[in-house]
Amino acid sequence: QVQLVESGGGLVQAGGSLRLSCAASGRTFIMGWFRQAPGKEREFVARIVWTTGSTYYADSVKGRFTISRDNAKNTVYLQMNSLKPEDTAVYYCAGTRDQAIGYYYWGQGTQVTVSS
């Protein structure tokens, strides 16, 4: 069992930046960030492969968000720049050891609110 703990959420003005952190109690194969806005379904944001550092982003955040990892700290980050009000959501960190079956480790979520 891998425990994931997110931090770094908060309130920021449009155009501002935030960095989210996800501390993992163990290693998985892939770590991802998802978000869920009020009244909407949870959506994929970004993911990174622990071993290679390979990344992939949703089109809505490409060029603005950067996912990275610190192997020594077992921590994954999401640097969010040029934030927009539509980025407002609860952001969740997730992990999996088997991409074929999806993500099955989830954090508790951290709120990000972007004011206009």
C-alpha atoms as a PDB file:
ATOM      1  CA  GLN A   1       0.000   0.000   0.000  1.00  0.00           C
ATOM      2  CA  VAL A   2       1.322   3.437  -0.964  1.00  0.00           C
ATOM      3  CA  GLN A   3       0.127   6.521   0.851  1.00  0.00           C
ATOM      4  CA  LEU A   4       0.003   9.820  -1.042  1.00  0.00           C
ATOM      5  CA  VAL A   5      -0.163  13.204   0.659  1.00  0.00           C
ATOM      6  CA  GLU A   6      -0.699  16.377  -1.356  1.00  0.00           C
ATOM      7  CA  SER A   7       0.151  19.889  -0.266  1.00  0.00           C
ATOM      8  CA  GLY A   8       0.598  23.326  -1.744  1.00  0.00           C
ATOM      9  CA  GLY A   9      -2.907  24.289  -2.747  1.00  0.00           C
ATOM     10  CA  GLY A  10      -4.362  27.695  -2.031  1.00  0.00           C
ATOM     11  CA  LEU A  11      -5.875  30.864  -3.410  1.00  0.00           C
ATOM     12  CA  VAL A  12      -4.104  32.729  -6.187  1.00  0.00           C
ATOM     13  CA  GLN A  13      -4.998  35.445  -8.665  1.00  0.00           C
ATOM     14  CA  ALA A  14      -5.312  34.717 -12.356  1.00  0.00           C
ATOM     15  CA  GLY A  15      -1.906  34.741 -13.977  1.00  0.00           C
ATOM     16  CA  GLY A  16      -0.220  33.605 -10.791  1.00  0.00           C
ATOM     17  CA  SER A  17       1.604  30.402  -9.922  1.00  0.00           C
ATOM     18  CA  LEU A  18       1.385  27.572  -7.421  1.00  0.00           C
ATOM     19  CA  ARG A  19       3.405  24.427  -6.854  1.00  0.00           C
ATOM     20  CA  LEU A  20       1.709  21.294  -5.613  1.00  0.00           C
ATOM     21  CA  SER A  21       3.621  18.513  -3.930  1.00  0.00           C
ATOM     22  CA  CYS A  22       2.744  14.848  -3.519  1.00  0.00           C
ATOM     23  CA  ALA A  23       4.769  12.859  -1.022  1.00  0.00           C
ATOM     24  CA  ALA A  24       4.610   9.101  -1.544  1.00  0.00           C
ATOM     25  CA  SER A  25       5.320   6.486   1.121  1.00  0.00           C
ATOM     26  CA  GLY A  26       6.523   4.077  -1.559  1.00  0.00           C
ATOM     27  CA  ARG A  27       7.444   3.874  -5.223  1.00  0.00           C
ATOM     28  CA  THR A  28       4.989   3.315  -8.045  1.00  0.00           C
ATOM     29  CA  PHE A  29       5.491   3.070 -11.796  1.00  0.00           C
ATOM     30  CA  ILE A  30       3.558   6.151 -12.841  1.00  0.00           C
ATOM     31  CA  MET A  31       2.407   9.164 -10.858  1.00  0.00           C
ATOM     32  CA  GLY A  32      -0.309  11.454 -12.086  1.00  0.00           C
ATOM     33  CA  TRP A  33      -2.224  14.582 -11.199  1.00  0.00           C
ATOM     34  CA  PHE A  34      -5.956  14.836 -11.670  1.00  0.00           C
ATOM     35  CA  ARG A  35      -8.446  17.561 -10.824  1.00  0.00           C
ATOM     36  CA  GLN A  36     -12.139  17.862 -10.164  1.00  0.00           C
ATOM     37  CA  ALA A  37     -14.056  21.112 -10.351  1.00  0.00           C
ATOM     38  CA  PRO A  38     -17.473  21.533  -8.702  1.00  0.00           C
ATOM     39  CA  GLY A  39     -20.174  19.826 -10.723  1.00  0.00           C
ATOM     40  CA  LYS A  40     -17.680  18.305 -13.143  1.00  0.00           C
ATOM     41  CA  GLU A  41     -16.078  14.925 -13.557  1.00  0.00           C
ATOM     42  CA  ARG A  42     -12.520  14.300 -12.473  1.00  0.00           C
ATOM     43  CA  GLU A  43     -10.084  14.930 -15.311  1.00  0.00           C
ATOM     44  CA  PHE A  44      -6.518  13.994 -16.052  1.00  0.00           C
ATOM     45  CA  VAL A  45      -3.927  16.778 -15.798  1.00  0.00           C
ATOM     46  CA  ALA A  46      -0.439  15.282 -16.123  1.00  0.00           C
ATOM     47  CA  ARG A  47       1.598  12.163 -15.458  1.00  0.00           C
ATOM     48  CA  ILE A  48       5.219  11.145 -15.062  1.00  0.00           C
ATOM     49  CA  VAL A  49       7.053   7.844 -15.166  1.00  0.00           C
ATOM     50  CA  TRP A  50       9.224   7.481 -12.088  1.00  0.00           C
ATOM     51  CA  THR A  51      12.113   5.685 -13.767  1.00  0.00           C
ATOM     52  CA  THR A  52      12.456   7.615 -17.021  1.00  0.00           C
ATOM     53  CA  GLY A  53      10.937  10.975 -16.154  1.00  0.00           C
ATOM     54  CA  SER A  54       8.766  10.771 -19.251  1.00  0.00           C
ATOM     55  CA  THR A  55       5.842  13.177 -18.997  1.00  0.00           C
ATOM     56  CA  TYR A  56       2.455  13.661 -20.610  1.00  0.00           C
ATOM     57  CA  TYR A  57      -0.030  16.526 -20.264  1.00  0.00           C
ATOM     58  CA  ALA A  58      -3.632  17.302 -20.936  1.00  0.00           C
ATOM     59  CA  ASP A  59      -4.018  19.830 -23.735  1.00  0.00           C
ATOM     60  CA  SER A  60      -5.677  22.275 -21.359  1.00  0.00           C
ATOM     61  CA  VAL A  61      -2.500  22.656 -19.274  1.00  0.00           C
ATOM     62  CA  LYS A  62       0.232  22.026 -21.812  1.00  0.00           C
ATOM     63  CA  GLY A  63       2.802  24.813 -21.763  1.00  0.00           C
ATOM     64  CA  ARG A  64       1.561  26.128 -18.409  1.00  0.00           C
ATOM     65  CA  PHE A  65       1.983  23.195 -16.010  1.00  0.00           C
ATOM     66  CA  THR A  66       5.087  21.111 -15.401  1.00  0.00           C
ATOM     67  CA  ILE A  67       5.180  17.770 -13.603  1.00  0.00           C
ATOM     68  CA  SER A  68       8.451  16.615 -12.075  1.00  0.00           C
ATOM     69  CA  ARG A  69       9.747  14.191  -9.489  1.00  0.00           C
ATOM     70  CA  ASP A  70      12.430  14.021  -6.834  1.00  0.00           C
ATOM     71  CA  ASN A  71      13.489  10.399  -6.546  1.00  0.00           C
ATOM     72  CA  ALA A  72      15.396  10.941  -3.316  1.00  0.00           C
ATOM     73  CA  LYS A  73      12.363  12.448  -1.620  1.00  0.00           C
ATOM     74  CA  ASN A  74       9.781  10.169  -3.287  1.00  0.00           C
ATOM     75  CA  THR A  75       7.887  13.325  -4.144  1.00  0.00           C
ATOM     76  CA  VAL A  76       6.132  14.463  -7.298  1.00  0.00           C
ATOM     77  CA  TYR A  77       5.485  18.118  -8.047  1.00  0.00           C
ATOM     78  CA  LEU A  78       3.092  20.048 -10.239  1.00  0.00           C
ATOM     79  CA  GLN A  79       4.300  23.526 -11.067  1.00  0.00           C
ATOM     80  CA  MET A  80       1.329  25.555 -12.261  1.00  0.00           C
ATOM     81  CA  ASN A  81       1.985  28.856 -14.034  1.00  0.00           C
ATOM     82  CA  SER A  82      -0.289  31.331 -15.800  1.00  0.00           C
ATOM     83  CA  LEU A  83      -3.212  30.054 -13.785  1.00  0.00           C
ATOM     84  CA  LYS A  84      -6.728  30.700 -15.018  1.00  0.00           C
ATOM     85  CA  PRO A  85     -10.050  30.740 -13.135  1.00  0.00           C
ATOM     86  CA  GLU A  86     -10.984  27.549 -14.972  1.00  0.00           C
ATOM     87  CA  ASP A  87      -8.066  25.795 -13.254  1.00  0.00           C
ATOM     88  CA  THR A  88      -9.992  26.054  -9.992  1.00  0.00           C
ATOM     89  CA  ALA A  89     -10.522  22.527  -8.676  1.00  0.00           C
ATOM     90  CA  VAL A  90      -9.500  19.988  -6.091  1.00  0.00           C
ATOM     91  CA  TYR A  91      -6.244  18.498  -7.307  1.00  0.00           C
ATOM     92  CA  TYR A  92      -5.478  14.857  -6.608  1.00  0.00           C
ATOM     93  CA  CYS A  93      -2.248  12.962  -6.786  1.00  0.00           C
ATOM     94  CA  ALA A  94      -2.490   9.351  -7.959  1.00  0.00           C
ATOM     95  CA  GLY A  95      -0.194   6.429  -8.590  1.00  0.00           C
ATOM     96  CA  THR A  96      -0.145   3.023 -10.191  1.00  0.00           C
ATOM     97  CA  ARG A  97       2.254   0.151 -10.642  1.00  0.00           C
ATOM     98  CA  ASP A  98       0.339  -1.157 -13.640  1.00  0.00           C
ATOM     99  CA  GLN A  99      -0.719   1.314 -16.299  1.00  0.00           C
ATOM    100  CA  ALA A 100      -3.038  -1.267 -17.812  1.00  0.00           C
ATOM    101  CA  ILE A 101      -5.386  -1.224 -14.834  1.00  0.00           C
ATOM    102  CA  GLY A 102      -5.261   2.483 -14.122  1.00  0.00           C
ATOM    103  CA  TYR A 103      -4.501   4.482 -11.003  1.00  0.00           C
ATOM    104  CA  TYR A 104      -5.313   2.882  -7.671  1.00  0.00           C
ATOM    105  CA  TYR A 105      -3.421   4.947  -5.133  1.00  0.00           C
ATOM    106  CA  TRP A 106      -5.008   8.306  -4.436  1.00  0.00           C
ATOM    107  CA  GLY A 107      -4.268  11.236  -2.196  1.00  0.00           C
ATOM    108  CA  GLN A 108      -6.852  13.210  -0.264  1.00  0.00           C
ATOM    109  CA  GLY A 109      -6.755  16.200  -2.596  1.00  0.00           C
ATOM    110  CA  THR A 110      -5.771  19.824  -2.232  1.00  0.00           C
ATOM    111  CA  GLN A 111      -7.909  22.811  -3.191  1.00  0.00           C
ATOM    112  CA  VAL A 112      -6.675  25.270  -5.801  1.00  0.00           C
ATOM    113  CA  THR A 113      -8.729  28.416  -6.284  1.00  0.00           C
ATOM    114  CA  VAL A 114      -7.887  30.950  -8.971  1.00  0.00           C
ATOM    115  CA  SER A 115      -9.630  34.301  -8.697  1.00  0.00           C
ATOM    116  CA  SER A 116     -10.278  36.521 -11.690  1.00  0.00           C
END
